[in-house]
Amino acid sequence: MPANPEIFLKPWARCVGSERVSTMLRTEYWERFRQVQNAIGFKYIRCHGLLCDELGLFRVDEWEGKKRPFLNFSYLDQVFDTMLEHGVRPFVELGFMPGALASGKQTVFWWKGNATPPADWDLWSELLRGLLSHWISRYGSEEVRKWPVEVWNEPNLEGFWEGASKENYFRLYESSVLAIKSVDPAIRVGGPATCGTSDDWVEDFLAFVRERGLALDFFSRHLYAGESPTKRTPELFYQGLCDPEKPIEELRSVRSRIDAAGFPGLELHITEFNTSYHPLCPVHDTPLNAAFLARLLSESGGLVETLSYWTFCDLFEEQDIPRSLFHGGFGLVAAHGIPKPSFHLFSFFSKLEGEVIHRGPNCVATRRPDGSLALAAWNPVLEAGARPPLRLELDLPWSGDRALVRRSRVHEDAGNPWGLWRTMGRPRFPDRSTVEFLKRAAVPAVEAAVLDGGGGELPLRLELARNEVTLVEILPFADESPGYLGLDDSLIDGYS
């Protein structure tokens, strides 16, 4: 092993996104989360709607001619208690504006998150001080200090922040960070949670923070790979994808811009990423979605501290209640707990550990602490029509003689319930037997082989089908056949 081996980092396993906070009060939410958590193991959840009226946190009572703010933690305590009971922490997002505190009527999403600044900035600060003080009282300072606090969501987009006003957002950040740090200076605060990298928010926000002498514990951004939309319908949003290397280039660009602005080494958290940025884009349900994102999972380590997939399941209502089983939702898991190909992408990558022994544009391989090898490979195909399989030839370091090679595969004809659903006529609300049939189609294909190693290398030859993501695990081969008394497969009709 090299003196300073490169260790495979997993920023994509740190956090995952979900629908708004209030959905955590539903049984289905935690059923789907447990399913994902058992396969992948995220550490944080990030979602919108923490301050929205449906949770009832901020109310203003009027009595005897006076107005009195009141913080009601009845629902929020249930949510955060349940979150911690499931072994996951909140990546806190401050938003949207409570109705009683909002300066305007602009809202976003089907559930109407208010996207305007506070009408009373002092009350905004009081709200945050009360919220953080309550959390510390309930969960303890040591725990709450582990919760990153992100100020707002995508303020550079007019739909999410009235007028996309930098001036108002900078004021929001300043008032927020001062209020939070007044409760506990060790609580980590960051922003600006913008979407897109072609704007000037990076430099302007960092200049504002520096000029005002404000705390900034991390910088947050979002990252999507969708190009201009090609077609919109009442139910679907079609969007092409960029080159798979472009998102990685964007991460490097943001990192260099932060460093150049005088904040070298500042933590960079991508608090949303996916292919398309729209929750009704059919690409999310396909094997292409998984194959496209694989390279980003492979190469994001060392560039970012967090790469948070948006989202873990299709319980998601930004564009109204979903109208069909598969509808282009962001989730790793569709309704009824049906895993999509991207679910298996994350599950496969979670098996990679230890030293990186090979990395290329279509493959990454690791040597795990126990000496076994784990390799992920992918073959995204963005063009229509037939295309020959991708062939990979690798000579991997191997100290033993024979090796057991286990392979799990997802592609157009394996682990693709969306493809089968499409063949079946796209039933919107399938009956139970159809759901169970689709679940059987959502399982990766598996195969095994024994290879001879020699001279310290193991030759591995792979063919990857269209939009395939594959996991290969290589372990020492232990043949227990001689231990079976009188073993003779030729006595089974049709075998030798």
Protein backbone atom coordinates (compact mmCIF):
# COMPACT_ATOMS: atom_id res chain seq x y z
CA MET A 1 0.00 0.00 0.00
CA PRO A 2 1.33 3.51 -0.80
CA ALA A 3 2.60 5.60 2.10
CA ASN A 4 -0.24 8.10 1.66
CA PRO A 5 -3.06 6.26 -0.09
CA GLU A 6 -6.06 8.16 -1.40
CA ILE A 7 -9.08 7.24 0.70
CA PHE A 8 -12.47 7.03 -0.97
CA LEU A 9 -14.60 9.86 0.44
CA LYS A 10 -18.40 9.85 0.50
CA PRO A 11 -19.82 13.40 0.69
CA TRP A 12 -23.01 12.05 -0.93
CA ALA A 13 -23.64 9.85 2.14
CA ARG A 14 -23.58 12.79 4.56
CA CYS A 15 -27.02 14.25 3.81
CA VAL A 16 -30.15 13.59 1.76
CA GLY A 17 -33.06 15.87 0.90
CA SER A 18 -36.75 15.34 1.47
CA GLU A 19 -40.14 16.99 1.12
CA ARG A 20 -41.07 19.72 3.60
CA VAL A 21 -40.79 19.25 7.35
CA SER A 22 -44.52 18.64 7.93
CA THR A 23 -44.41 15.38 5.93
CA MET A 24 -42.29 13.95 8.73
CA LEU A 25 -45.52 13.67 10.70
CA ARG A 26 -46.68 10.92 8.30
CA THR A 27 -46.07 7.21 8.75
CA GLU A 28 -45.17 6.74 5.08
CA TYR A 29 -42.27 9.19 5.40
CA TRP A 30 -40.43 7.12 7.98
CA GLU A 31 -41.26 3.82 6.27
CA ARG A 32 -39.49 5.06 3.14
CA PHE A 33 -36.64 6.61 5.10
CA ARG A 34 -35.91 3.36 6.94
CA GLN A 35 -35.80 1.58 3.61
CA VAL A 36 -33.22 4.02 2.27
CA GLN A 37 -31.28 4.22 5.51
CA ASN A 38 -30.85 0.45 5.75
CA ALA A 39 -29.24 0.39 2.31
CA ILE A 40 -27.19 3.60 2.35
CA GLY A 41 -26.92 5.19 5.80
CA PHE A 42 -27.29 8.97 5.60
CA LYS A 43 -26.31 11.18 8.54
CA TYR A 44 -28.46 14.29 7.90
CA ILE A 45 -31.80 15.25 6.35
CA ARG A 46 -32.43 18.63 4.73
CA CYS A 47 -35.87 19.89 3.75
CA HIS A 48 -37.94 23.05 3.27
CA GLY A 49 -40.79 24.42 5.33
CA LEU A 50 -39.38 24.55 8.86
CA LEU A 51 -41.07 27.90 9.59
CA CYS A 52 -44.22 27.44 7.48
CA ASP A 53 -47.64 27.94 9.03
CA GLU A 54 -48.74 24.31 8.75
CA LEU A 55 -46.36 23.47 11.61
CA GLY A 56 -47.82 26.30 13.68
CA LEU A 57 -44.47 27.43 15.06
CA PHE A 58 -44.97 31.20 14.93
CA ARG A 59 -48.26 32.74 15.97
CA VAL A 60 -49.27 36.25 17.08
CA ASP A 61 -52.02 36.48 19.69
CA GLU A 62 -54.00 39.69 20.11
CA TRP A 63 -55.42 40.45 23.56
CA GLU A 64 -56.62 43.69 25.08
CA GLY A 65 -55.29 45.70 22.19
CA LYS A 66 -51.79 44.23 22.31
CA LYS A 67 -50.06 41.73 20.04
CA ARG A 68 -47.93 39.01 21.58
CA PRO A 69 -45.76 36.59 19.56
CA PHE A 70 -46.00 32.96 20.63
CA LEU A 71 -43.77 30.02 19.61
CA ASN A 72 -45.64 26.73 19.48
CA PHE A 73 -43.33 23.71 19.39
CA SER A 74 -46.04 21.02 19.55
CA TYR A 75 -45.48 19.63 16.02
CA LEU A 76 -41.84 20.60 15.65
CA ASP A 77 -40.84 18.64 18.74
CA GLN A 78 -42.55 15.54 17.34
CA VAL A 79 -40.62 15.93 14.10
CA PHE A 80 -37.19 16.42 15.65
CA ASP A 81 -37.69 13.73 18.28
CA THR A 82 -38.58 11.23 15.55
CA MET A 83 -35.67 12.32 13.39
CA LEU A 84 -33.14 11.72 16.14
CA GLU A 85 -34.79 8.41 17.07
CA HIS A 86 -34.06 7.27 13.50
CA GLY A 87 -30.38 8.06 13.92
CA VAL A 88 -30.30 11.08 11.62
CA ARG A 89 -29.78 14.78 12.33
CA PRO A 90 -31.30 17.88 10.72
CA PHE A 91 -29.39 19.97 8.23
CA VAL A 92 -31.51 22.96 9.19
CA GLU A 93 -32.87 25.24 6.45
CA LEU A 94 -34.43 28.50 7.67
CA GLY A 95 -37.57 29.10 5.62
CA PHE A 96 -40.13 29.91 4.54
CA MET A 97 -41.53 33.05 6.20
CA PRO A 98 -44.34 32.57 8.74
CA GLY A 99 -47.51 34.30 7.54
CA ALA A 100 -47.81 36.47 10.64
CA LEU A 101 -44.29 37.76 10.07
CA ALA A 102 -44.27 38.07 6.27
CA SER A 103 -44.03 41.43 4.51
CA GLY A 104 -45.93 40.23 1.42
CA LYS A 105 -48.18 37.59 -0.11
CA GLN A 106 -45.80 35.95 -2.62
CA THR A 107 -45.72 32.17 -2.18
CA VAL A 108 -44.06 29.22 -3.85
CA PHE A 109 -45.17 25.61 -4.38
CA TRP A 110 -48.53 23.91 -4.06
CA TRP A 111 -48.26 24.22 -0.29
CA LYS A 112 -47.59 27.99 -0.49
CA GLY A 113 -44.33 28.71 1.26
CA ASN A 114 -44.11 32.48 1.77
CA ALA A 115 -41.10 33.89 -0.10
CA THR A 116 -40.99 37.46 1.27
CA PRO A 117 -38.71 39.13 3.84
CA PRO A 118 -39.91 39.66 7.39
CA ALA A 119 -42.12 42.66 8.03
CA ASP A 120 -40.43 43.09 11.40
CA TRP A 121 -36.71 42.29 11.46
CA ASP A 122 -36.55 42.37 15.25
CA LEU A 123 -39.31 39.76 15.44
CA TRP A 124 -37.39 37.59 12.95
CA SER A 125 -34.37 37.69 15.26
CA GLU A 126 -36.59 36.97 18.26
CA LEU A 127 -38.07 33.97 16.45
CA LEU A 128 -34.64 32.50 15.74
CA ARG A 129 -33.35 33.10 19.26
CA GLY A 130 -36.44 31.42 20.68
CA LEU A 131 -36.13 28.48 18.28
CA LEU A 132 -32.45 27.83 19.00
CA SER A 133 -32.90 28.31 22.74
CA HIS A 134 -35.70 25.75 22.75
CA TRP A 135 -33.62 23.23 20.83
CA ILE A 136 -30.72 23.62 23.24
CA SER A 137 -33.05 23.23 26.21
CA ARG A 138 -34.61 20.09 24.74
CA TYR A 139 -31.64 18.39 23.07
CA GLY A 140 -28.56 19.98 24.68
CA SER A 141 -25.86 22.26 23.30
CA GLU A 142 -23.57 19.41 22.32
CA GLU A 143 -26.24 17.93 20.05
CA VAL A 144 -27.52 21.18 18.51
CA ARG A 145 -23.97 22.29 17.66
CA LYS A 146 -23.89 19.34 15.25
CA TRP A 147 -26.81 20.76 13.24
CA PRO A 148 -25.67 23.04 10.39
CA VAL A 149 -28.05 25.99 9.92
CA GLU A 150 -28.54 27.22 6.35
CA VAL A 151 -30.18 30.62 5.83
CA TRP A 152 -33.04 30.32 3.29
CA ASN A 153 -33.26 28.43 -0.02
CA GLU A 154 -32.29 29.69 -3.49
CA PRO A 155 -32.66 33.43 -2.83
CA ASN A 156 -31.14 34.16 -6.26
CA LEU A 157 -34.39 32.91 -7.87
CA GLU A 158 -37.38 35.27 -7.82
CA GLY A 159 -39.80 32.45 -7.08
CA PHE A 160 -38.03 31.63 -3.82
CA TRP A 161 -37.14 35.13 -2.61
CA GLU A 162 -39.11 38.22 -3.53
CA GLY A 163 -37.33 40.00 -6.37
CA ALA A 164 -34.27 37.77 -5.87
CA SER A 165 -33.04 40.79 -3.90
CA LYS A 166 -29.43 40.51 -2.81
CA GLU A 167 -29.84 43.47 -0.50
CA ASN A 168 -32.70 41.86 1.39
CA TYR A 169 -31.03 38.45 1.47
CA PHE A 170 -27.79 39.88 2.81
CA ARG A 171 -29.80 41.61 5.52
CA LEU A 172 -31.58 38.32 6.25
CA TYR A 173 -28.26 36.52 6.56
CA GLU A 174 -26.81 39.18 8.85
CA SER A 175 -29.80 39.29 11.18
CA SER A 176 -29.99 35.47 11.22
CA VAL A 177 -26.34 34.79 11.98
CA LEU A 178 -26.23 37.47 14.69
CA ALA A 179 -29.36 36.09 16.36
CA ILE A 180 -28.16 32.48 16.26
CA LYS A 181 -24.64 33.23 17.43
CA SER A 182 -26.05 35.29 20.31
CA VAL A 183 -27.63 32.08 21.60
CA ASP A 184 -24.53 29.92 21.06
CA PRO A 185 -21.48 31.04 19.07
CA ALA A 186 -20.59 27.41 18.36
CA ILE A 187 -23.72 26.76 16.26
CA ARG A 188 -22.62 26.56 12.63
CA VAL A 189 -24.35 28.92 10.18
CA GLY A 190 -23.97 29.29 6.41
CA GLY A 191 -25.51 30.19 3.07
CA PRO A 192 -26.49 31.46 0.58
CA ALA A 193 -28.00 28.19 -0.78
CA THR A 194 -28.15 29.56 -4.32
CA CYS A 195 -28.96 27.57 -7.45
CA GLY A 196 -26.65 27.85 -10.47
CA THR A 197 -23.03 28.85 -10.78
CA SER A 198 -23.15 31.43 -13.56
CA ASP A 199 -24.22 34.30 -11.28
CA ASP A 200 -22.19 36.74 -9.21
CA TRP A 201 -23.63 35.74 -5.83
CA VAL A 202 -20.48 33.88 -4.81
CA GLU A 203 -18.21 36.90 -4.83
CA ASP A 204 -20.86 39.42 -3.71
CA PHE A 205 -22.04 37.33 -0.77
CA LEU A 206 -18.52 36.59 0.42
CA ALA A 207 -17.55 40.27 0.06
CA PHE A 208 -20.57 41.27 2.16
CA VAL A 209 -19.71 38.75 4.87
CA ARG A 210 -16.11 39.93 4.96
CA GLU A 211 -16.96 43.66 4.98
CA ARG A 212 -19.51 43.22 7.79
CA GLY A 213 -17.26 40.93 9.80
CA LEU A 214 -19.95 38.23 9.96
CA ALA A 215 -19.46 34.60 10.85
CA LEU A 216 -19.64 32.14 7.95
CA ASP A 217 -19.05 28.52 8.87
CA PHE A 218 -19.83 27.04 5.46
CA PHE A 219 -20.81 28.04 1.94
CA SER A 220 -23.81 26.27 0.38
CA ARG A 221 -24.91 25.85 -3.22
CA HIS A 222 -27.16 23.65 -5.34
CA LEU A 223 -26.12 21.63 -8.39
CA TYR A 224 -28.32 20.35 -11.22
CA ALA A 225 -27.38 18.93 -14.60
CA GLY A 226 -30.48 19.83 -16.63
CA GLU A 227 -30.22 21.93 -19.77
CA SER A 228 -33.01 24.14 -21.12
CA PRO A 229 -36.42 22.42 -20.96
CA THR A 230 -37.52 20.82 -24.22
CA LYS A 231 -41.23 20.41 -23.44
CA ARG A 232 -43.66 21.15 -20.61
CA THR A 233 -47.08 19.63 -20.12
CA PRO A 234 -49.53 19.89 -17.19
CA GLU A 235 -48.06 16.63 -15.87
CA LEU A 236 -44.50 16.33 -17.16
CA PHE A 237 -41.34 18.40 -17.67
CA TYR A 238 -38.87 17.20 -20.29
CA GLN A 239 -35.27 18.36 -20.04
CA GLY A 240 -32.02 17.29 -21.64
CA LEU A 241 -28.84 16.69 -19.64
CA CYS A 242 -25.41 18.24 -19.94
CA ASP A 243 -22.17 16.32 -20.33
CA PRO A 244 -21.58 14.15 -17.21
CA GLU A 245 -18.27 15.92 -16.58
CA LYS A 246 -19.83 19.40 -16.39
CA PRO A 247 -21.19 19.11 -12.81
CA ILE A 248 -17.71 18.15 -11.60
CA GLU A 249 -16.23 21.15 -13.40
CA GLU A 250 -18.83 23.36 -11.71
CA LEU A 251 -17.79 22.06 -8.30
CA ARG A 252 -14.16 22.86 -9.04
CA SER A 253 -15.17 26.32 -10.28
CA VAL A 254 -17.15 27.16 -7.13
CA ARG A 255 -14.33 25.86 -4.94
CA SER A 256 -11.76 28.04 -6.73
CA ARG A 257 -14.02 31.11 -6.59
CA ILE A 258 -14.49 30.73 -2.84
CA ASP A 259 -10.74 30.37 -2.33
CA ALA A 260 -10.00 33.36 -4.58
CA ALA A 261 -12.51 35.50 -2.66
CA GLY A 262 -10.42 35.19 0.47
CA PHE A 263 -12.03 32.13 2.10
CA PRO A 264 -9.55 29.32 1.37
CA GLY A 265 -10.64 26.01 2.81
CA LEU A 266 -14.15 27.19 3.73
CA GLU A 267 -16.45 24.18 3.83
CA LEU A 268 -18.54 23.79 0.66
CA HIS A 269 -21.89 22.04 1.03
CA ILE A 270 -24.00 21.15 -2.00
CA THR A 271 -27.35 20.93 -0.25
CA GLU A 272 -29.28 19.83 -3.35
CA PHE A 273 -28.16 17.91 -6.43
CA ASN A 274 -29.75 15.77 -9.11
CA THR A 275 -30.02 15.62 -12.90
CA SER A 276 -33.12 17.74 -13.63
CA TYR A 277 -34.20 20.44 -11.17
CA HIS A 278 -37.91 19.70 -11.74
CA PRO A 279 -39.96 17.15 -9.73
CA LEU A 280 -41.95 16.03 -12.79
CA CYS A 281 -39.03 15.12 -15.08
CA PRO A 282 -39.21 11.46 -16.24
CA VAL A 283 -35.43 11.08 -16.37
CA HIS A 284 -35.42 10.74 -12.58
CA ASP A 285 -37.16 7.35 -12.85
CA THR A 286 -34.75 5.87 -15.41
CA PRO A 287 -31.48 3.90 -15.36
CA LEU A 288 -29.91 6.88 -17.16
CA ASN A 289 -30.37 8.98 -14.02
CA ALA A 290 -28.24 6.54 -12.05
CA ALA A 291 -25.58 6.06 -14.73
CA PHE A 292 -25.30 9.81 -15.31
CA LEU A 293 -24.74 10.67 -11.64
CA ALA A 294 -22.24 7.88 -10.95
CA ARG A 295 -19.21 9.89 -12.04
CA LEU A 296 -20.23 12.75 -9.76
CA LEU A 297 -20.40 10.36 -6.80
CA SER A 298 -17.01 8.98 -7.77
CA GLU A 299 -15.17 12.32 -8.05
CA SER A 300 -16.88 14.65 -5.57
CA GLY A 301 -14.78 13.56 -2.60
CA GLY A 302 -12.25 16.24 -1.70
CA LEU A 303 -14.23 18.93 -3.55
CA VAL A 304 -17.19 19.23 -1.16
CA GLU A 305 -18.08 18.24 2.39
CA THR A 306 -21.72 17.51 1.49
CA LEU A 307 -23.38 16.38 -1.74
CA SER A 308 -27.03 16.02 -0.77
CA TYR A 309 -29.28 14.11 -3.18
CA TRP A 310 -32.66 15.73 -3.75
CA THR A 311 -34.64 13.63 -2.58
CA PHE A 312 -34.81 10.23 -0.88
CA CYS A 313 -38.41 9.37 -1.84
CA ASP A 314 -41.34 10.46 -4.01
CA LEU A 315 -43.43 11.67 -1.11
CA PHE A 316 -43.05 15.15 -2.59
CA GLU A 317 -45.73 17.75 -3.24
CA GLU A 318 -44.12 20.93 -4.55
CA GLN A 319 -46.05 20.63 -7.83
CA ASP A 320 -49.25 19.24 -6.26
CA ILE A 321 -49.94 15.68 -5.12
CA PRO A 322 -48.33 13.18 -7.55
CA ARG A 323 -50.76 11.98 -10.23
CA SER A 324 -49.25 8.58 -10.94
CA LEU A 325 -46.91 5.93 -9.58
CA PHE A 326 -44.01 7.04 -11.76
CA HIS A 327 -44.25 10.75 -12.54
CA GLY A 328 -40.66 11.96 -12.76
CA GLY A 329 -40.26 12.51 -9.03
CA PHE A 330 -36.89 13.24 -7.49
CA GLY A 331 -36.92 10.27 -5.14
CA LEU A 332 -34.57 7.32 -4.87
CA VAL A 333 -37.71 5.35 -3.99
CA ALA A 334 -41.08 5.61 -5.72
CA ALA A 335 -44.49 5.20 -4.09
CA HIS A 336 -45.18 1.85 -2.37
CA GLY A 337 -41.45 1.53 -1.62
CA ILE A 338 -40.41 0.61 -5.17
CA PRO A 339 -36.66 1.31 -5.52
CA LYS A 340 -35.55 3.21 -8.62
CA PRO A 341 -32.20 2.60 -10.36
CA SER A 342 -30.70 5.62 -8.54
CA PHE A 343 -31.45 3.90 -5.22
CA HIS A 344 -29.13 1.08 -6.30
CA LEU A 345 -26.51 3.58 -7.46
CA PHE A 346 -26.20 4.86 -3.89
CA SER A 347 -26.42 1.36 -2.44
CA PHE A 348 -23.62 0.17 -4.74
CA PHE A 349 -21.38 3.13 -3.92
CA SER A 350 -21.94 2.62 -0.20
CA LYS A 351 -20.04 -0.68 -0.58
CA LEU A 352 -16.88 1.15 -1.71
CA GLU A 353 -14.46 1.74 1.14
CA GLY A 354 -10.81 2.31 1.88
CA GLU A 355 -7.98 3.00 -0.56
CA VAL A 356 -8.71 4.13 -4.12
CA ILE A 357 -6.73 1.81 -6.41
CA HIS A 358 -8.23 2.93 -9.71
CA ARG A 359 -10.36 5.81 -10.93
CA GLY A 360 -11.45 6.63 -14.47
CA PRO A 361 -14.36 8.35 -16.24
CA ASN A 362 -16.41 5.14 -16.09
CA CYS A 363 -15.05 3.29 -13.08
CA VAL A 364 -13.71 3.60 -9.54
CA ALA A 365 -12.19 0.76 -7.51
CA THR A 366 -11.25 0.53 -3.85
CA ARG A 367 -9.36 -1.83 -1.58
CA ARG A 368 -11.39 -2.23 1.59
CA PRO A 369 -9.79 -2.48 5.05
CA ASP A 370 -10.26 -6.28 5.08
CA GLY A 371 -8.31 -6.63 1.79
CA SER A 372 -11.31 -7.31 -0.44
CA LEU A 373 -11.91 -5.11 -3.48
CA ALA A 374 -15.04 -3.20 -4.45
CA LEU A 375 -15.57 -1.56 -7.81
CA ALA A 376 -18.35 0.53 -9.36
CA ALA A 377 -18.65 1.13 -13.11
CA TRP A 378 -21.18 2.97 -15.24
CA ASN A 379 -22.17 3.61 -18.83
CA PRO A 380 -24.50 6.60 -19.37
CA VAL A 381 -25.92 6.83 -22.89
CA LEU A 382 -27.67 10.11 -23.65
CA GLU A 383 -28.28 9.40 -27.35
CA ALA A 384 -31.18 7.34 -28.69
CA GLY A 385 -30.60 4.23 -30.78
CA ALA A 386 -28.43 1.14 -30.55
CA ARG A 387 -24.93 1.39 -29.18
CA PRO A 388 -22.36 -1.32 -28.47
CA PRO A 389 -21.69 -2.17 -24.83
CA LEU A 390 -18.88 -0.39 -23.02
CA ARG A 391 -15.87 -2.66 -22.46
CA LEU A 392 -13.56 -2.13 -19.53
CA GLU A 393 -10.29 -3.99 -18.99
CA LEU A 394 -8.66 -3.65 -15.59
CA ASP A 395 -5.71 -5.38 -13.94
CA LEU A 396 -6.34 -5.02 -10.23
CA PRO A 397 -3.79 -5.68 -7.47
CA TRP A 398 -4.49 -9.07 -5.90
CA SER A 399 -2.24 -11.04 -3.58
CA GLY A 400 -4.18 -14.32 -3.58
CA ASP A 401 -4.62 -17.10 -6.13
CA ARG A 402 -8.26 -17.49 -7.03
CA ALA A 403 -10.85 -14.80 -6.36
CA LEU A 404 -14.63 -14.87 -6.06
CA VAL A 405 -16.13 -12.12 -8.18
CA ARG A 406 -19.68 -11.03 -7.26
CA ARG A 407 -21.45 -8.64 -9.59
CA SER A 408 -24.72 -6.71 -9.18
CA ARG A 409 -26.15 -4.88 -12.19
CA VAL A 410 -28.80 -2.29 -12.97
CA HIS A 411 -29.55 -1.27 -16.55
CA GLU A 412 -32.45 -0.99 -18.99
CA ASP A 413 -33.35 -4.66 -18.54
CA ALA A 414 -32.47 -5.18 -14.87
CA GLY A 415 -33.52 -3.26 -11.77
CA ASN A 416 -35.68 -0.97 -13.92
CA PRO A 417 -39.28 -0.95 -12.66
CA TRP A 418 -40.05 2.21 -14.66
CA GLY A 419 -39.30 0.31 -17.89
CA LEU A 420 -41.65 -2.53 -16.95
CA TRP A 421 -44.33 -0.04 -15.83
CA ARG A 422 -44.08 1.66 -19.22
CA THR A 423 -44.50 -1.69 -21.00
CA MET A 424 -47.58 -2.39 -18.87
CA GLY A 425 -49.33 0.74 -20.11
CA ARG A 426 -48.26 3.12 -17.29
CA PRO A 427 -50.99 2.32 -14.73
CA ARG A 428 -51.42 5.47 -12.65
CA PHE A 429 -52.64 3.88 -9.45
CA PRO A 430 -51.81 0.16 -9.74
CA ASP A 431 -53.49 -2.53 -7.67
CA ARG A 432 -51.54 -4.50 -5.09
CA SER A 433 -50.61 -7.38 -7.38
CA THR A 434 -49.17 -4.95 -9.92
CA VAL A 435 -47.19 -3.18 -7.22
CA GLU A 436 -45.70 -6.48 -6.06
CA PHE A 437 -44.88 -7.38 -9.67
CA LEU A 438 -43.05 -4.07 -10.13
CA LYS A 439 -41.12 -4.58 -6.90
CA ARG A 440 -39.77 -7.84 -8.30
CA ALA A 441 -38.51 -5.87 -11.30
CA ALA A 442 -36.72 -3.39 -9.03
CA VAL A 443 -34.03 -5.87 -7.93
CA PRO A 444 -30.55 -5.82 -9.51
CA ALA A 445 -29.39 -8.77 -11.59
CA VAL A 446 -26.63 -10.73 -9.89
CA GLU A 447 -23.93 -13.10 -11.08
CA ALA A 448 -20.74 -14.68 -9.76
CA ALA A 449 -17.52 -16.09 -11.21
CA VAL A 450 -14.16 -17.37 -10.05
CA LEU A 451 -11.01 -15.82 -11.53
CA ASP A 452 -7.39 -16.91 -11.30
CA GLY A 453 -4.98 -14.32 -10.00
CA GLY A 454 -1.28 -14.47 -10.55
CA GLY A 455 1.76 -12.25 -10.39
CA GLY A 456 0.01 -9.93 -7.96
CA GLU A 457 -2.72 -8.92 -10.44
CA LEU A 458 -6.25 -9.98 -11.20
CA PRO A 459 -7.49 -9.43 -14.76
CA LEU A 460 -11.06 -8.11 -14.77
CA ARG A 461 -12.99 -7.72 -18.03
CA LEU A 462 -16.42 -6.09 -17.96
CA GLU A 463 -19.09 -5.30 -20.52
CA LEU A 464 -21.58 -2.65 -19.49
CA ALA A 465 -24.98 -2.42 -21.14
CA ARG A 466 -26.76 0.79 -22.02
CA ASN A 467 -27.17 2.99 -18.91
CA GLU A 468 -25.74 0.33 -16.66
CA VAL A 469 -24.41 0.83 -13.16
CA THR A 470 -22.60 -2.20 -11.84
CA LEU A 471 -21.05 -3.19 -8.53
CA VAL A 472 -18.22 -5.74 -8.47
CA GLU A 473 -17.00 -7.18 -5.18
CA ILE A 474 -13.84 -9.34 -5.20
CA LEU A 475 -13.15 -11.63 -2.26
CA PRO A 476 -10.84 -14.58 -1.59
CA PHE A 477 -12.34 -17.77 -3.01
CA ALA A 478 -12.90 -20.57 -0.54
CA ASP A 479 -14.03 -23.82 -2.19
CA GLU A 480 -15.89 -25.95 0.35
CA SER A 481 -16.99 -28.55 -2.20
CA PRO A 482 -14.41 -31.20 -1.17
CA GLY A 483 -15.89 -31.21 2.32
CA TYR A 484 -19.20 -32.66 1.13
CA LEU A 485 -19.18 -36.46 1.48
CA GLY A 486 -19.86 -38.25 -1.80
CA LEU A 487 -20.42 -35.03 -3.76
CA ASP A 488 -21.23 -35.84 -7.42
CA ASP A 489 -23.31 -33.35 -9.43
CA SER A 490 -23.40 -35.77 -12.38
CA LEU A 491 -25.97 -37.75 -10.42
CA ILE A 492 -28.41 -34.87 -10.90
CA ASP A 493 -30.18 -35.31 -14.22
CA GLY A 494 -28.96 -32.78 -16.73
CA TYR A 495 -25.83 -31.74 -14.80
CA SER A 496 -22.22 -32.85 -14.89
